[in-house]
Protein backbone atom coordinates (compact mmCIF):
# COMPACT_ATOMS: atom_id res chain seq x y z
CA MET A 1 187.60 -147.33 59.20
CA ILE A 2 189.05 -143.95 60.74
CA ARG A 3 191.73 -142.65 58.79
CA SER A 4 194.69 -139.96 58.91
CA LYS A 5 198.27 -138.84 58.38
CA TRP A 6 199.67 -140.67 61.56
CA TYR A 7 196.95 -143.44 62.27
CA ALA A 8 194.70 -146.04 61.46
CA ILE A 9 191.46 -147.69 63.15
CA ASP A 10 189.89 -150.76 62.36
CA ILE A 11 187.06 -151.49 64.44
CA ALA A 12 184.96 -154.88 64.62
CA PRO A 13 182.48 -156.30 67.20
CA ASP A 14 185.66 -157.86 69.13
CA TYR A 15 188.60 -156.36 67.56
CA ALA A 16 190.40 -153.24 67.08
CA GLU A 17 193.75 -152.49 65.40
CA ILE A 18 195.02 -148.92 65.67
CA SER A 19 198.39 -148.19 63.87
CA VAL A 20 200.76 -145.24 64.53
CA PHE A 21 203.35 -144.38 61.69
CA ASP A 22 205.10 -141.18 62.81
CA GLU A 23 206.87 -139.22 65.88
CA ILE A 24 205.18 -139.14 69.39
CA GLY A 25 204.66 -135.66 70.03
CA GLY A 26 205.98 -132.48 68.92
CA PHE A 27 204.98 -132.17 65.00
CA GLY A 28 203.55 -136.21 64.68
CA VAL A 29 200.94 -137.38 67.15
CA SER A 30 199.65 -135.75 70.30
CA VAL A 31 198.65 -137.13 73.07
CA THR A 32 195.17 -135.18 72.75
CA ASP A 33 194.66 -136.94 69.51
CA PHE A 34 195.66 -140.38 70.35
CA LYS A 35 193.72 -140.48 73.04
CA GLU A 36 190.84 -139.47 71.21
CA GLN A 37 190.91 -142.24 69.29
CA PHE A 38 192.23 -144.73 71.75
CA ASP A 39 189.02 -143.87 73.50
CA SER A 40 187.06 -145.11 71.04
CA ILE A 41 188.62 -148.79 70.86
CA LYS A 42 189.83 -149.19 74.26
CA ASN A 43 186.17 -151.31 75.15
CA ALA A 44 187.29 -154.09 72.33
CA LYS A 45 187.57 -157.59 73.07
CA GLN A 46 191.22 -157.33 71.72
CA ILE A 47 193.48 -154.81 70.55
CA ARG A 48 196.36 -154.81 68.27
CA LEU A 49 199.06 -151.45 67.76
CA LEU A 50 200.90 -151.56 64.59
CA LEU A 51 204.23 -149.47 65.22
CA ASN A 52 206.73 -147.39 63.03
CA SER A 53 208.11 -144.77 64.98
CA PRO A 54 211.28 -142.45 65.46
CA GLY A 55 209.88 -142.17 68.99
CA GLY A 56 209.86 -138.49 70.23
CA ALA A 57 208.82 -136.32 73.40
CA VAL A 58 209.30 -138.54 76.93
CA THR A 59 206.66 -137.19 78.49
CA GLU A 60 204.22 -137.94 75.74
CA GLY A 61 205.69 -141.15 74.96
CA MET A 62 205.02 -142.04 78.67
CA ALA A 63 201.09 -140.81 78.37
CA PHE A 64 201.03 -142.79 75.45
CA TYR A 65 202.48 -145.81 77.52
CA ASN A 66 200.37 -145.52 80.35
CA LEU A 67 197.06 -145.30 78.27
CA LEU A 68 198.02 -148.43 76.02
CA ALA A 69 198.88 -149.91 79.67
CA SER A 70 195.62 -149.74 80.80
CA VAL A 71 194.61 -152.39 78.60
CA ARG A 72 198.04 -154.43 78.70
CA ASP A 73 196.31 -158.01 78.93
CA LYS A 74 194.34 -157.34 75.55
CA LEU A 75 196.82 -155.65 74.01
CA THR A 76 199.45 -157.04 71.51
CA VAL A 77 202.17 -154.67 69.68
CA GLU A 78 203.54 -155.41 66.66
CA VAL A 79 206.67 -153.65 65.53
CA ILE A 80 206.18 -153.09 61.49
CA GLY A 81 209.15 -151.23 60.76
CA LEU A 82 211.28 -149.22 63.34
CA ALA A 83 210.26 -148.65 67.37
CA ALA A 84 213.31 -146.17 68.34
CA SER A 85 213.62 -143.96 71.53
CA MET A 86 210.15 -143.76 73.17
CA ALA A 87 208.20 -145.66 70.59
CA SER A 88 210.47 -148.77 71.97
CA VAL A 89 208.78 -147.99 75.51
CA VAL A 90 205.31 -147.58 73.81
CA ALA A 91 206.54 -151.08 72.19
CA LEU A 92 206.37 -152.36 75.36
CA ALA A 93 203.01 -151.83 76.92
CA GLY A 94 200.77 -154.60 75.61
CA SER A 95 201.26 -158.03 76.84
CA LYS A 96 202.91 -159.38 73.81
CA LEU A 97 205.30 -157.72 71.78
CA VAL A 98 205.64 -159.36 67.99
CA MET A 99 208.42 -157.75 65.60
CA ASP A 100 208.65 -158.49 62.17
CA GLU A 101 211.61 -159.77 60.41
CA GLY A 102 213.94 -156.74 59.22
CA THR A 103 212.50 -154.77 62.07
CA TYR A 104 214.40 -152.25 64.47
CA LEU A 105 214.25 -151.75 68.44
CA MET A 106 216.35 -148.36 69.70
CA ILE A 107 216.90 -147.61 72.86
CA HIS A 108 218.99 -144.73 74.34
CA ASN A 109 219.65 -142.04 76.58
CA PRO A 110 216.74 -139.27 76.99
CA TRP A 111 218.29 -136.17 76.10
CA THR A 112 216.86 -132.40 75.82
CA ILE A 113 217.47 -128.86 73.88
CA THR A 114 217.91 -126.04 76.75
CA TRP A 115 219.30 -122.63 77.44
CA GLY A 116 219.86 -120.56 80.63
CA ASP A 117 222.33 -120.37 83.69
CA ALA A 118 224.44 -122.49 85.14
CA ASP A 119 221.51 -123.58 87.88
CA GLN A 120 219.14 -124.09 85.28
CA LEU A 121 221.03 -126.50 83.18
CA ARG A 122 221.45 -128.70 86.02
CA LYS A 123 218.24 -128.73 87.11
CA ASP A 124 217.27 -129.98 83.38
CA ALA A 125 220.28 -132.23 83.59
CA ASP A 126 218.67 -133.62 86.94
CA VAL A 127 215.29 -134.04 85.15
CA LEU A 128 217.05 -135.99 82.56
CA ASP A 129 218.59 -138.21 84.99
CA LYS A 130 215.54 -139.48 86.39
CA MET A 131 213.84 -140.01 83.17
CA ARG A 132 216.48 -142.35 82.65
CA SER A 133 216.08 -144.31 85.62
CA GLU A 134 212.47 -144.75 84.93
CA LEU A 135 213.12 -145.78 81.35
CA ILE A 136 215.75 -148.32 82.64
CA SER A 137 213.07 -149.61 85.16
CA ILE A 138 210.39 -149.90 82.45
CA TYR A 139 212.86 -151.93 79.86
CA ALA A 140 214.22 -154.17 82.68
CA ALA A 141 210.71 -155.14 83.57
CA HIS A 142 210.16 -156.11 80.27
CA SER A 143 213.22 -158.22 79.14
CA LYS A 144 215.52 -160.51 80.50
CA LEU A 145 218.25 -157.87 81.21
CA SER A 146 219.72 -156.21 84.72
CA PRO A 147 219.37 -152.44 84.85
CA LYS A 148 222.96 -152.28 84.25
CA GLU A 149 222.71 -154.10 81.51
CA ILE A 150 220.11 -151.49 80.50
CA GLY A 151 221.92 -148.61 81.19
CA GLN A 152 224.76 -149.12 79.40
CA MET A 153 222.64 -150.08 76.11
CA MET A 154 221.07 -146.58 76.73
CA ASP A 155 224.63 -145.07 77.06
CA ASP A 156 225.68 -147.13 73.68
CA GLU A 157 222.46 -145.86 71.62
CA THR A 158 221.79 -149.93 71.11
CA TRP A 159 219.99 -150.70 67.86
CA LEU A 160 218.38 -154.27 68.31
CA THR A 161 217.19 -156.26 65.27
CA ALA A 162 214.20 -158.78 65.67
CA GLN A 163 216.14 -161.34 67.10
CA GLU A 164 218.28 -159.82 69.06
CA ALA A 165 215.13 -158.32 70.73
CA PHE A 166 213.55 -161.49 71.16
CA ASP A 167 216.72 -162.87 72.61
CA SER A 168 217.21 -159.99 75.14
CA GLY A 169 213.55 -160.89 76.22
CA PHE A 170 211.99 -157.63 74.91
CA ALA A 171 210.14 -159.11 72.00
CA ASP A 172 207.77 -162.34 72.60
CA GLU A 173 207.81 -163.22 68.67
CA VAL A 174 209.42 -162.74 65.46
CA ARG A 175 207.55 -162.83 62.95
CA GLU A 176 208.21 -164.23 59.43
CA THR A 177 207.28 -161.64 56.56
CA VAL A 178 207.54 -161.54 52.71
CA GLN A 179 208.99 -157.86 52.93
CA ALA A 180 209.05 -155.83 56.22
CA ALA A 181 207.33 -151.89 56.24
CA ALA A 182 209.28 -149.23 54.54
CA LEU A 183 211.07 -148.09 57.65
CA TYR A 184 210.69 -144.29 59.02
CA ASP A 185 213.10 -142.22 57.58
CA VAL A 186 215.62 -141.56 60.50
CA SER A 187 218.35 -140.32 58.93
CA LYS A 188 217.52 -136.76 59.75
CA ILE A 189 216.67 -137.28 63.31
CA GLY A 190 220.31 -136.80 64.85
CA PHE A 191 220.74 -140.57 66.39
CA LYS A 192 224.56 -141.50 66.27
CA LYS A 193 224.41 -145.02 65.48
CA ILE A 194 222.08 -145.80 62.79
CA PRO A 195 222.51 -148.80 61.08
CA MET A 196 223.49 -148.67 57.16
CA ALA A 197 220.25 -150.67 56.70
CA LEU A 198 218.22 -147.82 58.18
CA LYS A 199 219.97 -144.94 56.00
CA HIS A 200 218.50 -143.36 53.40
CA LEU A 201 221.64 -143.14 50.81
CA ASP A 202 222.00 -141.03 47.83
CA PHE A 203 224.14 -142.49 45.74
CA ARG A 204 224.13 -139.88 43.27
CA SER A 205 226.19 -137.40 45.43
CA ILE A 206 229.42 -139.92 45.09
CA LYS A 207 231.48 -137.86 42.42
CA THR A 208 234.93 -138.88 43.01
CA ILE A 209 237.11 -141.38 44.31
CA ARG A 210 237.19 -139.53 47.70
CA ASP A 211 233.47 -139.32 47.97
CA PHE A 212 233.25 -143.09 47.51
CA GLU A 213 236.01 -143.53 50.42
CA ALA A 214 233.89 -141.03 52.61
CA PHE A 215 230.70 -143.11 51.79
CA LEU A 216 232.69 -146.29 52.55
CA ARG A 217 234.05 -144.98 56.09
CA ASP A 218 230.29 -143.99 56.97
CA ALA A 219 229.37 -147.66 56.03
CA GLY A 220 231.71 -148.69 59.06
CA ALA A 221 234.63 -149.57 56.83
CA THR A 222 238.09 -148.68 58.32
CA ARG A 223 240.33 -145.74 56.72
CA ALA A 224 242.41 -149.16 55.51
CA GLU A 225 239.53 -150.87 54.15
CA ALA A 226 238.20 -147.75 52.32
CA ALA A 227 241.34 -147.11 50.96
CA ALA A 228 241.57 -150.56 49.71
CA ILE A 229 237.71 -151.06 48.13
CA ALA A 230 237.71 -147.39 46.73
CA SER A 231 241.59 -147.88 45.36
CA GLY A 232 240.83 -151.34 43.75
CA GLY A 233 236.94 -150.97 43.17
CA TRP A 234 236.97 -147.38 41.30
CA LYS A 235 240.32 -148.71 38.99
CA ALA A 236 238.07 -151.51 38.09
CA LEU A 237 235.10 -149.57 37.26
CA GLN A 238 237.58 -147.01 35.51
CA ARG A 239 238.87 -150.33 33.75
CA ASP A 240 235.18 -151.56 32.25
CA ALA A 241 234.80 -153.66 35.41
CA GLU A 242 238.40 -155.83 34.55
CA GLN A 243 239.53 -158.02 37.36
CA PRO A 244 241.88 -155.68 39.42
CA LYS A 245 245.06 -158.04 39.52
CA SER A 246 247.35 -156.55 42.15
CA GLU A 247 248.62 -158.19 45.50
CA ASP A 248 245.84 -156.02 47.13
CA ASP A 249 242.95 -158.72 46.17
CA GLY A 250 242.90 -160.30 48.74
CA GLU A 251 242.91 -156.98 50.85
CA ILE A 252 239.98 -156.13 48.85
CA LYS A 253 238.17 -159.09 48.51
CA GLU A 254 237.90 -159.22 53.03
CA ALA A 255 237.23 -155.85 53.14
CA LEU A 256 234.36 -156.00 51.07
CA SER A 257 233.08 -158.94 52.57
CA GLY A 258 233.16 -157.17 56.15
CA LEU A 259 231.53 -154.16 54.29
CA ILE A 260 228.53 -156.41 52.94
CA SER A 261 227.78 -157.96 56.33
CA ILE A 262 227.45 -154.43 57.96
CA LEU A 263 224.89 -153.28 55.12
CA LYS A 264 223.18 -156.11 56.02
CA GLY A 265 223.06 -155.04 59.49
CA GLU A 266 225.20 -158.12 60.60
CA SER A 267 228.02 -156.32 62.35
CA ASN A 268 228.12 -156.72 66.13
CA GLY A 269 228.40 -153.03 66.33
CA LEU A 270 224.67 -152.36 65.21
């Protein structure tokens, strides 16, 4: 077995497995390194790619996709944590996509960091539009969705559970697992709509009732729901967990039920 920080390769006479658990390009996995290892296993009769990545550079991600697609007929991809951004494109390179329970696939519009005058910025925007069109074509070809539907999902930064990815036609199988692999920490990457299930929260940062309200709103509760939960819940804690006996009990209970659904990733907005 060949191992490094970001990949692991198992090689047998008729079977090879490669695992990628880092960003694509940048400070993560470079195309040069990946190709070197891919070349060592591409002649196996069956290849399995294990994927847990937040994505990365579009151009490097396309290189990954094209390398893997060259052995599409014998390649199975399994998402064991997260396939976000360009990693969601890489996930579609095989003849079969398996997603373990508790995993996510995320698609969004390409973006960049740039500088320059107005002409340069317009040129960069044109390039992003071209990239977006290419990505829409790939997603549409590997799903049940139309290009228009895909485009809207990208505009919205859409996070799909394994079951949602299966229902949309991206995934071919949802595999039951005892426990999903630890998801890649995407909390500092800058995605706009990260599901609560993927956020790494530090509850020690909650020092006051206002901090608690802010946490609840970040979790998806409305301002009114957060106020109701924080007021009733915090007072209950201050009374050594005594049950609240105010007329707001019903509202608090309803808000808590909704929040629990959000934390479990069951909200329609995820």
